[in-house]
Amino acid sequence: MVNSGTIEILKRMDQMIRTKSTGAPGDFAGRLYVSERSMYNYIGLMKALGAPIRYSRTERSYVYEEAGRFVIEFKQPADLEYAT
C-alpha cells in the first residue's frame, strides 16, 4: 500500500525530474533521504504508472521523455474529460 510518505517522495521526485536536478542515481537517492535501492523502486513505481522516465547522461539527471508531470490526486466527475 502507498502511504503519505511515499506520495510526498513521489511529488519531490517529480519536481526534481521536471527541473532536471536529480543528479546521478546516488545523488538523487541522497537528496530524497532514501537508499539507492528505494530510489530505484520509486522510479519503477512511477514507470509502472506511466511516467516516461529515463536517465540522461548528458544532462546528468533523470528526465521525462515527453512534457508532463506526475500527478496523484482525486478528481470528481466534473473535472474529468469523460464520465464513466
Protein backbone atom coordinates (compact mmCIF):
# COMPACT_ATOMS: atom_id res chain seq x y z
CA MET A 1 0.00 0.00 0.00
CA VAL A 2 1.15 3.52 -0.74
CA ASN A 3 1.32 5.77 2.32
CA SER A 4 1.52 9.55 2.63
CA GLY A 5 5.32 9.43 2.94
CA THR A 6 5.55 7.64 -0.40
CA ILE A 7 3.29 10.22 -2.02
CA GLU A 8 5.47 13.05 -0.71
CA ILE A 9 8.60 11.36 -2.08
CA LEU A 10 6.92 10.89 -5.47
CA LYS A 11 5.95 14.58 -5.51
CA ARG A 12 9.55 15.61 -4.72
CA MET A 13 10.87 13.24 -7.35
CA ASP A 14 8.51 14.69 -9.96
CA GLN A 15 9.62 18.25 -9.17
CA MET A 16 13.29 17.31 -9.35
CA ILE A 17 12.84 15.37 -12.59
CA ARG A 18 10.92 18.23 -14.22
CA THR A 19 13.69 20.69 -13.29
CA LYS A 20 16.40 18.20 -14.30
CA SER A 21 18.05 18.50 -10.90
CA THR A 22 18.24 14.88 -9.75
CA GLY A 23 21.93 14.32 -10.38
CA ALA A 24 23.31 10.80 -10.67
CA PRO A 25 21.32 7.93 -9.07
CA GLY A 26 23.31 8.01 -5.82
CA ASP A 27 22.95 11.79 -5.57
CA PHE A 28 19.22 11.57 -6.29
CA ALA A 29 18.74 8.99 -3.54
CA GLY A 30 20.70 11.19 -1.12
CA ARG A 31 18.58 14.24 -1.95
CA LEU A 32 15.47 12.16 -1.24
CA TYR A 33 16.97 10.77 2.02
CA VAL A 34 16.35 7.19 0.85
CA SER A 35 18.63 4.33 -0.16
CA GLU A 36 19.60 3.98 -3.80
CA ARG A 37 17.61 0.72 -3.94
CA SER A 38 14.50 2.55 -2.64
CA MET A 39 15.01 5.29 -5.21
CA TYR A 40 15.08 2.67 -7.98
CA ASN A 41 11.89 1.16 -6.55
CA TYR A 42 10.18 4.58 -6.64
CA ILE A 43 11.36 5.12 -10.23
CA GLY A 44 9.94 1.68 -11.07
CA LEU A 45 6.62 2.60 -9.48
CA MET A 46 6.43 5.84 -11.44
CA LYS A 47 7.25 3.97 -14.66
CA ALA A 48 4.61 1.32 -13.88
CA LEU A 49 2.09 4.16 -13.51
CA GLY A 50 3.01 5.52 -16.94
CA ALA A 51 5.75 8.07 -16.31
CA PRO A 52 8.21 8.14 -19.25
CA ILE A 53 11.38 8.45 -17.14
CA ARG A 54 14.94 7.83 -18.28
CA TYR A 55 18.37 8.82 -17.10
CA SER A 56 20.17 11.34 -19.36
CA ARG A 57 23.94 11.02 -19.19
CA THR A 58 24.40 14.32 -21.00
CA GLU A 59 22.21 16.20 -18.51
CA ARG A 60 23.32 14.04 -15.57
CA SER A 61 19.73 13.85 -14.41
CA TYR A 62 16.62 11.76 -14.69
CA VAL A 63 14.27 13.35 -17.22
CA TYR A 64 10.82 12.82 -18.64
CA GLU A 65 10.93 11.75 -22.29
CA GLU A 66 7.91 13.95 -23.01
CA ALA A 67 6.38 17.06 -21.48
CA GLY A 68 4.18 16.49 -18.47
CA ARG A 69 4.17 15.90 -14.77
CA PHE A 70 3.40 13.07 -12.37
CA VAL A 71 0.10 13.72 -10.57
CA ILE A 72 -1.63 11.70 -7.87
CA GLU A 73 -4.96 13.17 -6.88
CA PHE A 74 -8.68 12.52 -6.69
CA LYS A 75 -10.80 14.01 -9.45
CA GLN A 76 -14.54 14.44 -9.34
CA PRO A 77 -16.56 13.55 -12.47
CA ALA A 78 -16.97 17.22 -13.43
CA ASP A 79 -13.15 17.54 -13.51
CA LEU A 80 -12.69 14.63 -15.90
CA GLU A 81 -12.86 14.78 -19.68
CA TYR A 82 -15.34 11.93 -19.74
CA ALA A 83 -17.82 10.37 -17.32
CA THR A 84 -17.83 6.67 -16.53
